[in-house]
């Protein structure tokens, strides 16, 4: 049920609450599973401290956000201190950030001849340079697979 609520929030991508929208490269169900695998789609999770500063339900870094195109909430300035956090902690803006990143770095990470959500999961964790490293045993990927399999069983 939590996944359905999170997915419903992410389906709001169509709402024009951000600046610089991109074409929808990542389907909503895939976006939902990336969010689910990242934090359980926790919309209130604080930014992390430690070796990496990651924020929002997708655990996005500043570099990921910048590579994606520095999406911001409506009427915000990407150069404003706090614009990154405001965007990636908002479901719609964070979703567009992920889509922007995937549009920029889309590639066949797992070598199966297709670019799909499995590849986006690799890109989300490993980045656009070197996404072909194995991640199948990571908690993120296991959570992603569980979500993907649930979504596929509901659709079919």
N, C-alpha and C. Protein backbone atom coordinates (compact mmCIF):
# COMPACT_ATOMS: atom_id res chain seq x y z
N UNK A 1 0.82 -1.19 0.00
CA UNK A 1 0.00 0.00 0.00
C UNK A 1 0.86 1.26 0.00
N UNK A 2 1.98 1.22 0.76
CA UNK A 2 2.90 2.36 0.79
C UNK A 2 3.45 2.65 -0.60
N UNK A 3 3.76 1.57 -1.36
CA UNK A 3 4.26 1.76 -2.72
C UNK A 3 3.23 2.47 -3.57
N UNK A 4 1.96 2.09 -3.44
CA UNK A 4 0.91 2.72 -4.24
C UNK A 4 0.78 4.20 -3.91
N UNK A 5 0.92 4.55 -2.65
CA UNK A 5 0.86 5.96 -2.25
C UNK A 5 2.04 6.72 -2.83
N UNK A 6 3.24 6.13 -2.71
CA UNK A 6 4.43 6.77 -3.24
C UNK A 6 4.34 6.91 -4.75
N UNK A 7 3.87 5.87 -5.41
CA UNK A 7 3.73 5.92 -6.87
C UNK A 7 2.72 6.99 -7.27
N UNK A 8 1.65 7.12 -6.50
CA UNK A 8 0.66 8.15 -6.80
C UNK A 8 1.26 9.54 -6.69
N UNK A 9 2.11 9.72 -5.69
CA UNK A 9 2.80 11.01 -5.54
C UNK A 9 3.69 11.27 -6.74
N UNK A 10 4.38 10.23 -7.18
CA UNK A 10 5.29 10.41 -8.30
C UNK A 10 4.56 10.57 -9.63
N UNK A 11 3.34 10.07 -9.70
CA UNK A 11 2.56 10.25 -10.92
C UNK A 11 2.20 11.71 -11.14
N UNK A 12 2.37 12.50 -10.10
CA UNK A 12 2.09 13.93 -10.20
C UNK A 12 3.15 14.65 -11.02
N UNK A 13 4.02 13.90 -11.67
CA UNK A 13 5.06 14.50 -12.50
C UNK A 13 4.45 15.46 -13.52
N UNK A 14 3.24 15.23 -13.90
CA UNK A 14 2.60 16.07 -14.91
C UNK A 14 2.27 17.46 -14.40
N UNK A 15 2.29 17.65 -13.10
CA UNK A 15 1.98 18.95 -12.52
C UNK A 15 3.16 19.88 -12.76
N UNK A 16 2.93 21.05 -13.34
CA UNK A 16 4.03 21.94 -13.68
C UNK A 16 4.56 22.71 -12.47
N UNK A 17 5.17 22.01 -11.52
CA UNK A 17 5.67 22.67 -10.33
C UNK A 17 7.18 22.84 -10.34
N UNK A 18 7.80 22.48 -11.46
CA UNK A 18 9.24 22.65 -11.56
C UNK A 18 9.59 23.40 -12.83
N UNK A 19 10.80 23.91 -12.87
CA UNK A 19 11.29 24.58 -14.06
C UNK A 19 12.19 23.61 -14.81
N UNK A 20 12.13 23.62 -16.14
CA UNK A 20 13.03 22.81 -16.96
C UNK A 20 12.60 21.37 -17.09
N UNK A 21 11.35 21.11 -17.39
CA UNK A 21 10.87 19.73 -17.50
C UNK A 21 11.54 19.02 -18.67
N UNK A 22 11.74 17.71 -18.53
CA UNK A 22 12.35 16.89 -19.58
C UNK A 22 11.32 15.88 -20.07
N UNK A 23 11.61 15.33 -21.25
CA UNK A 23 10.75 14.28 -21.78
C UNK A 23 10.79 13.08 -20.84
N UNK A 24 9.72 12.35 -20.80
CA UNK A 24 9.60 11.22 -19.89
C UNK A 24 10.37 10.01 -20.43
N UNK A 25 11.63 9.87 -20.01
CA UNK A 25 12.45 8.73 -20.39
C UNK A 25 12.14 7.55 -19.47
N UNK A 26 11.89 7.83 -18.23
CA UNK A 26 11.68 6.80 -17.22
C UNK A 26 10.18 6.66 -16.93
N UNK A 27 9.61 5.49 -17.20
CA UNK A 27 8.18 5.30 -16.91
C UNK A 27 7.89 5.45 -15.41
N UNK A 28 6.65 5.80 -15.09
CA UNK A 28 6.26 6.04 -13.70
C UNK A 28 6.50 4.83 -12.81
N UNK A 29 6.21 3.62 -13.30
CA UNK A 29 6.41 2.45 -12.45
C UNK A 29 7.88 2.23 -12.15
N UNK A 30 8.75 2.52 -13.09
CA UNK A 30 10.18 2.41 -12.87
C UNK A 30 10.64 3.46 -11.86
N UNK A 31 10.19 4.68 -12.06
CA UNK A 31 10.53 5.76 -11.14
C UNK A 31 10.10 5.40 -9.72
N UNK A 32 8.91 4.85 -9.59
CA UNK A 32 8.41 4.43 -8.28
C UNK A 32 9.29 3.37 -7.65
N UNK A 33 9.76 2.42 -8.45
CA UNK A 33 10.61 1.36 -7.90
C UNK A 33 11.99 1.88 -7.52
N UNK A 34 12.52 2.85 -8.26
CA UNK A 34 13.81 3.44 -7.88
C UNK A 34 13.66 4.17 -6.55
N UNK A 35 12.55 4.84 -6.37
CA UNK A 35 12.27 5.55 -5.12
C UNK A 35 12.09 4.54 -3.98
N UNK A 36 11.31 3.52 -4.24
CA UNK A 36 11.04 2.49 -3.23
C UNK A 36 12.34 1.83 -2.78
N UNK A 37 13.21 1.51 -3.73
CA UNK A 37 14.47 0.85 -3.40
C UNK A 37 15.44 1.77 -2.68
N UNK A 38 15.34 3.06 -2.95
CA UNK A 38 16.26 4.03 -2.33
C UNK A 38 15.97 4.24 -0.86
N UNK A 39 14.69 4.50 -0.53
CA UNK A 39 14.34 4.85 0.87
C UNK A 39 12.99 4.30 1.31
N UNK A 40 12.39 3.44 0.50
CA UNK A 40 11.01 3.07 0.77
C UNK A 40 10.10 4.23 0.41
N UNK A 41 10.61 5.12 -0.42
CA UNK A 41 9.91 6.34 -0.86
C UNK A 41 9.54 7.21 0.34
N UNK A 42 10.44 7.29 1.28
CA UNK A 42 10.23 8.11 2.47
C UNK A 42 10.37 9.58 2.09
N UNK A 43 9.27 10.30 2.10
CA UNK A 43 9.26 11.70 1.67
C UNK A 43 9.77 12.65 2.75
N UNK A 44 10.01 12.15 3.94
CA UNK A 44 10.47 13.03 5.03
C UNK A 44 11.88 12.69 5.50
N UNK A 45 12.54 11.82 4.80
CA UNK A 45 13.88 11.42 5.22
C UNK A 45 14.83 12.63 5.16
N UNK A 46 15.62 12.84 6.20
CA UNK A 46 16.55 13.98 6.18
C UNK A 46 17.74 13.68 5.28
N UNK A 47 18.45 14.71 4.88
CA UNK A 47 19.68 14.53 4.12
C UNK A 47 20.68 13.79 4.99
N UNK A 48 21.47 12.94 4.37
CA UNK A 48 22.43 12.14 5.12
C UNK A 48 23.69 12.95 5.42
N UNK A 49 24.34 12.54 6.45
CA UNK A 49 25.67 13.08 6.75
C UNK A 49 26.61 11.90 6.70
N UNK A 50 27.85 12.16 6.48
CA UNK A 50 28.82 11.07 6.37
C UNK A 50 29.67 11.28 5.15
N UNK A 51 30.10 10.17 4.53
CA UNK A 51 31.01 10.31 3.39
C UNK A 51 30.32 10.86 2.15
N UNK A 52 29.01 10.79 2.07
CA UNK A 52 28.26 11.35 0.96
C UNK A 52 27.05 12.09 1.48
N UNK A 53 26.77 13.25 0.89
CA UNK A 53 25.59 14.04 1.25
C UNK A 53 24.49 13.69 0.26
N UNK A 54 23.50 12.94 0.70
CA UNK A 54 22.41 12.45 -0.14
C UNK A 54 21.10 12.93 0.44
N UNK A 55 20.19 13.37 -0.45
CA UNK A 55 18.93 13.94 0.03
C UNK A 55 17.72 13.40 -0.71
N UNK A 56 16.60 13.42 -0.02
CA UNK A 56 15.31 13.13 -0.61
C UNK A 56 15.01 11.65 -0.74
N UNK A 57 13.82 11.34 -1.22
CA UNK A 57 13.37 9.95 -1.28
C UNK A 57 14.19 9.08 -2.23
N UNK A 58 14.92 9.71 -3.17
CA UNK A 58 15.78 8.96 -4.09
C UNK A 58 17.24 8.94 -3.65
N UNK A 59 17.55 9.63 -2.54
CA UNK A 59 18.93 9.77 -2.06
C UNK A 59 19.84 10.32 -3.18
N UNK A 60 19.56 11.53 -3.59
CA UNK A 60 20.27 12.18 -4.68
C UNK A 60 21.40 13.04 -4.13
N UNK A 61 22.56 12.97 -4.79
CA UNK A 61 23.70 13.81 -4.42
C UNK A 61 23.63 15.12 -5.20
N UNK A 62 24.41 16.10 -4.72
CA UNK A 62 24.45 17.38 -5.43
C UNK A 62 24.98 17.18 -6.85
N UNK A 63 26.01 16.35 -7.03
CA UNK A 63 26.60 16.11 -8.35
C UNK A 63 25.57 15.47 -9.30
N UNK A 64 24.79 14.53 -8.81
CA UNK A 64 23.74 13.87 -9.60
C UNK A 64 22.73 14.92 -10.05
N UNK A 65 22.30 15.76 -9.11
CA UNK A 65 21.34 16.83 -9.39
C UNK A 65 21.90 17.78 -10.45
N UNK A 66 23.16 18.16 -10.30
CA UNK A 66 23.80 19.07 -11.26
C UNK A 66 23.90 18.41 -12.63
N UNK A 67 24.33 17.15 -12.67
CA UNK A 67 24.42 16.43 -13.95
C UNK A 67 23.06 16.30 -14.62
N UNK A 68 22.02 16.19 -13.82
CA UNK A 68 20.66 16.03 -14.35
C UNK A 68 20.12 17.32 -14.96
N UNK A 69 20.70 18.46 -14.59
CA UNK A 69 20.25 19.73 -15.14
C UNK A 69 19.84 20.75 -14.11
N UNK A 70 20.08 20.49 -12.84
CA UNK A 70 19.74 21.42 -11.75
C UNK A 70 18.28 21.86 -11.78
N UNK A 71 17.40 20.88 -11.78
CA UNK A 71 15.97 21.18 -11.70
C UNK A 71 15.68 21.89 -10.38
N UNK A 72 14.72 22.80 -10.41
CA UNK A 72 14.33 23.52 -9.21
C UNK A 72 12.81 23.63 -9.16
N UNK A 73 12.32 23.93 -7.98
CA UNK A 73 10.89 24.20 -7.83
C UNK A 73 10.55 25.48 -8.58
N UNK A 74 9.29 25.65 -8.90
CA UNK A 74 8.84 26.84 -9.64
C UNK A 74 9.30 28.11 -8.94
N UNK A 75 9.82 29.03 -9.71
CA UNK A 75 10.27 30.34 -9.24
C UNK A 75 11.49 30.29 -8.34
N UNK A 76 12.19 29.16 -8.31
CA UNK A 76 13.42 29.07 -7.53
C UNK A 76 14.60 29.31 -8.47
N UNK A 77 15.76 29.52 -7.89
CA UNK A 77 16.98 29.76 -8.64
C UNK A 77 17.95 28.63 -8.34
N UNK A 78 18.44 27.91 -9.37
CA UNK A 78 19.34 26.79 -9.11
C UNK A 78 20.63 27.18 -8.40
N UNK A 79 20.98 28.45 -8.44
CA UNK A 79 22.20 28.91 -7.77
C UNK A 79 21.95 29.30 -6.31
N UNK A 80 20.69 29.33 -5.91
CA UNK A 80 20.36 29.69 -4.53
C UNK A 80 20.80 28.57 -3.59
N UNK A 81 21.43 28.95 -2.48
CA UNK A 81 21.78 27.96 -1.46
C UNK A 81 20.48 27.33 -0.96
N UNK A 82 20.40 26.02 -1.00
CA UNK A 82 19.20 25.31 -0.57
C UNK A 82 18.29 24.88 -1.71
N UNK A 83 18.56 25.35 -2.94
CA UNK A 83 17.72 24.96 -4.08
C UNK A 83 17.81 23.46 -4.35
N UNK A 84 19.02 22.92 -4.22
CA UNK A 84 19.21 21.48 -4.42
C UNK A 84 18.34 20.69 -3.44
N UNK A 85 18.46 21.00 -2.16
CA UNK A 85 17.70 20.27 -1.14
C UNK A 85 16.19 20.44 -1.35
N UNK A 86 15.76 21.65 -1.66
CA UNK A 86 14.33 21.90 -1.88
C UNK A 86 13.80 21.04 -3.02
N UNK A 87 14.57 20.93 -4.09
CA UNK A 87 14.12 20.13 -5.23
C UNK A 87 14.08 18.65 -4.91
N UNK A 88 15.19 18.10 -4.45
CA UNK A 88 15.27 16.65 -4.31
C UNK A 88 14.45 16.12 -3.13
N UNK A 89 13.97 17.01 -2.27
CA UNK A 89 13.08 16.58 -1.19
C UNK A 89 11.61 16.74 -1.59
N UNK A 90 11.36 17.20 -2.79
CA UNK A 90 10.01 17.32 -3.35
C UNK A 90 9.83 16.16 -4.33
N UNK A 91 8.75 15.40 -4.22
CA UNK A 91 8.54 14.20 -5.04
C UNK A 91 8.60 14.49 -6.53
N UNK A 92 7.96 15.55 -6.97
CA UNK A 92 7.90 15.86 -8.39
C UNK A 92 9.27 16.30 -8.91
N UNK A 93 9.88 17.23 -8.22
CA UNK A 93 11.18 17.76 -8.65
C UNK A 93 12.25 16.66 -8.58
N UNK A 94 12.21 15.84 -7.55
CA UNK A 94 13.16 14.73 -7.44
C UNK A 94 12.96 13.75 -8.59
N UNK A 95 11.72 13.45 -8.92
CA UNK A 95 11.43 12.55 -10.03
C UNK A 95 11.95 13.09 -11.35
N UNK A 96 11.78 14.38 -11.57
CA UNK A 96 12.29 14.99 -12.79
C UNK A 96 13.82 15.00 -12.79
N UNK A 97 14.43 15.13 -11.63
CA UNK A 97 15.89 15.06 -11.54
C UNK A 97 16.36 13.68 -11.97
N UNK A 98 15.72 12.64 -11.48
CA UNK A 98 16.08 11.28 -11.88
C UNK A 98 15.88 11.12 -13.38
N UNK A 99 14.77 11.60 -13.90
CA UNK A 99 14.52 11.50 -15.34
C UNK A 99 15.56 12.27 -16.15
N UNK A 100 15.94 13.44 -15.67
CA UNK A 100 16.97 14.22 -16.36
C UNK A 100 18.30 13.49 -16.38
N UNK A 101 18.64 12.87 -15.26
CA UNK A 101 19.89 12.12 -15.16
C UNK A 101 19.87 10.93 -16.13
N UNK A 102 18.76 10.22 -16.16
CA UNK A 102 18.65 9.05 -17.03
C UNK A 102 18.66 9.46 -18.50
N UNK A 103 18.04 10.58 -18.83
CA UNK A 103 18.05 11.06 -20.21
C UNK A 103 19.48 11.38 -20.65
N UNK A 104 20.27 11.92 -19.75
CA UNK A 104 21.65 12.29 -20.08
C UNK A 104 22.56 11.07 -20.20
N UNK A 105 22.37 10.08 -19.32
CA UNK A 105 23.31 8.97 -19.25
C UNK A 105 22.76 7.63 -19.72
N UNK A 106 21.56 7.60 -20.31
CA UNK A 106 20.93 6.34 -20.72
C UNK A 106 21.91 5.45 -21.50
N UNK A 107 22.04 4.22 -21.04
CA UNK A 107 22.91 3.25 -21.70
C UNK A 107 22.55 1.85 -21.21
N UNK A 108 23.00 0.86 -21.95
CA UNK A 108 22.74 -0.54 -21.62
C UNK A 108 23.78 -1.01 -20.60
N UNK A 109 23.50 -0.80 -19.34
CA UNK A 109 24.46 -1.11 -18.27
C UNK A 109 24.64 -2.61 -18.05
N UNK A 110 23.59 -3.38 -18.26
CA UNK A 110 23.67 -4.82 -17.96
C UNK A 110 23.94 -5.67 -19.21
N UNK A 111 24.12 -5.03 -20.35
CA UNK A 111 24.53 -5.74 -21.56
C UNK A 111 23.49 -6.66 -22.16
N UNK A 112 22.21 -6.41 -21.91
CA UNK A 112 21.17 -7.28 -22.47
C UNK A 112 20.62 -6.78 -23.81
N UNK A 113 21.21 -5.72 -24.34
CA UNK A 113 20.78 -5.21 -25.64
C UNK A 113 19.63 -4.23 -25.60
N UNK A 114 19.14 -3.90 -24.42
CA UNK A 114 18.03 -2.96 -24.28
C UNK A 114 18.36 -1.96 -23.18
N UNK A 115 17.77 -0.78 -23.28
CA UNK A 115 17.89 0.21 -22.21
C UNK A 115 16.53 0.28 -21.53
N UNK A 116 16.48 -0.17 -20.28
CA UNK A 116 15.21 -0.22 -19.56
C UNK A 116 15.44 0.09 -18.08
N UNK A 117 14.45 -0.17 -17.28
CA UNK A 117 14.51 0.17 -15.87
C UNK A 117 15.64 -0.53 -15.13
N UNK A 118 15.99 -1.74 -15.53
CA UNK A 118 17.12 -2.42 -14.90
C UNK A 118 18.38 -1.59 -15.08
N UNK A 119 18.55 -1.02 -16.26
CA UNK A 119 19.71 -0.16 -16.52
C UNK A 119 19.61 1.12 -15.70
N UNK A 120 18.42 1.68 -15.58
CA UNK A 120 18.25 2.91 -14.79
C UNK A 120 18.60 2.66 -13.32
N UNK A 121 18.30 1.47 -12.83
CA UNK A 121 18.68 1.13 -11.45
C UNK A 121 20.20 1.14 -11.31
N UNK A 122 20.89 0.56 -12.28
CA UNK A 122 22.36 0.60 -12.26
C UNK A 122 22.86 2.04 -12.31
N UNK A 123 22.31 2.83 -13.22
CA UNK A 123 22.74 4.23 -13.35
C UNK A 123 22.48 5.01 -12.08
N UNK A 124 21.34 4.76 -11.45
CA UNK A 124 20.99 5.50 -10.24
C UNK A 124 22.01 5.28 -9.13
N UNK A 125 22.51 4.08 -9.02
CA UNK A 125 23.47 3.74 -7.96
C UNK A 125 24.92 3.96 -8.37
N UNK A 126 25.26 3.58 -9.59
CA UNK A 126 26.66 3.61 -10.02
C UNK A 126 27.05 4.86 -10.78
N UNK A 127 26.07 5.59 -11.28
CA UNK A 127 26.37 6.79 -12.05
C UNK A 127 26.54 6.49 -13.53
N UNK A 128 26.71 7.54 -14.29
CA UNK A 128 26.76 7.44 -15.74
C UNK A 128 28.07 6.94 -16.31
N UNK A 129 29.09 6.82 -15.50
CA UNK A 129 30.39 6.36 -15.97
C UNK A 129 30.76 5.10 -15.19
N UNK A 130 30.57 3.95 -15.82
CA UNK A 130 30.89 2.70 -15.15
C UNK A 130 29.69 2.02 -14.53
N UNK A 131 28.56 2.12 -15.19
CA UNK A 131 27.33 1.53 -14.62
C UNK A 131 27.24 0.03 -14.84
N UNK A 132 28.27 -0.56 -15.43
CA UNK A 132 28.20 -2.00 -15.70
C UNK A 132 28.77 -2.87 -14.58
N UNK A 133 29.13 -2.26 -13.46
CA UNK A 133 29.60 -3.04 -12.32
C UNK A 133 28.43 -3.81 -11.70
N UNK A 134 28.71 -4.95 -11.10
CA UNK A 134 27.62 -5.74 -10.52
C UNK A 134 27.03 -5.07 -9.27
N UNK A 135 25.71 -5.03 -9.22
CA UNK A 135 25.02 -4.50 -8.04
C UNK A 135 23.91 -5.43 -7.58
N UNK A 136 23.80 -6.59 -8.21
CA UNK A 136 22.66 -7.46 -7.96
C UNK A 136 22.52 -7.90 -6.51
N UNK A 137 23.59 -7.93 -5.75
CA UNK A 137 23.51 -8.38 -4.36
C UNK A 137 23.35 -7.24 -3.37
N UNK A 138 23.25 -6.01 -3.85
CA UNK A 138 23.11 -4.87 -2.94
C UNK A 138 21.68 -4.76 -2.42
N UNK A 139 21.51 -4.22 -1.22
CA UNK A 139 20.15 -4.02 -0.70
C UNK A 139 19.30 -3.16 -1.64
N UNK A 140 19.90 -2.14 -2.26
CA UNK A 140 19.14 -1.30 -3.20
C UNK A 140 18.59 -2.15 -4.33
N UNK A 141 19.44 -2.95 -4.97
CA UNK A 141 18.99 -3.71 -6.13
C UNK A 141 17.99 -4.79 -5.75
N UNK A 142 18.18 -5.40 -4.60
CA UNK A 142 17.22 -6.40 -4.13
C UNK A 142 15.85 -5.75 -3.90
N UNK A 143 15.84 -4.54 -3.32
CA UNK A 143 14.59 -3.81 -3.14
C UNK A 143 13.97 -3.40 -4.46
N UNK A 144 14.82 -3.01 -5.40
CA UNK A 144 14.34 -2.65 -6.73
C UNK A 144 13.68 -3.85 -7.40
N UNK A 145 14.35 -5.01 -7.36
CA UNK A 145 13.80 -6.21 -7.98
C UNK A 145 12.48 -6.62 -7.36
N UNK A 146 12.38 -6.54 -6.04
CA UNK A 146 11.13 -6.89 -5.36
C UNK A 146 10.01 -5.99 -5.84
N UNK A 147 10.28 -4.70 -5.94
CA UNK A 147 9.28 -3.75 -6.42
C UNK A 147 8.93 -4.04 -7.88
N UNK A 148 9.94 -4.20 -8.72
CA UNK A 148 9.70 -4.47 -10.15
C UNK A 148 8.85 -5.72 -10.34
N UNK A 149 9.17 -6.77 -9.60
CA UNK A 149 8.42 -8.02 -9.73
C UNK A 149 6.97 -7.84 -9.26
N UNK A 150 6.77 -7.05 -8.22
CA UNK A 150 5.41 -6.76 -7.74
C UNK A 150 4.63 -5.98 -8.80
N UNK A 151 5.26 -4.97 -9.36
CA UNK A 151 4.61 -4.15 -10.39
C UNK A 151 4.28 -5.00 -11.61
N UNK A 152 5.20 -5.85 -12.02
CA UNK A 152 4.96 -6.72 -13.19
C UNK A 152 3.83 -7.70 -12.93
N UNK A 153 3.75 -8.25 -11.71
CA UNK A 153 2.70 -9.20 -11.41
C UNK A 153 1.33 -8.51 -11.35
N UNK A 154 1.31 -7.26 -10.92
CA UNK A 154 0.05 -6.51 -10.88
C UNK A 154 -0.40 -6.13 -12.29
N UNK A 155 0.55 -5.89 -13.18
CA UNK A 155 0.23 -5.48 -14.54
C UNK A 155 -0.13 -6.66 -15.42
N UNK A 156 0.36 -7.83 -15.10
CA UNK A 156 0.15 -8.95 -16.00
C UNK A 156 -0.74 -9.96 -15.46
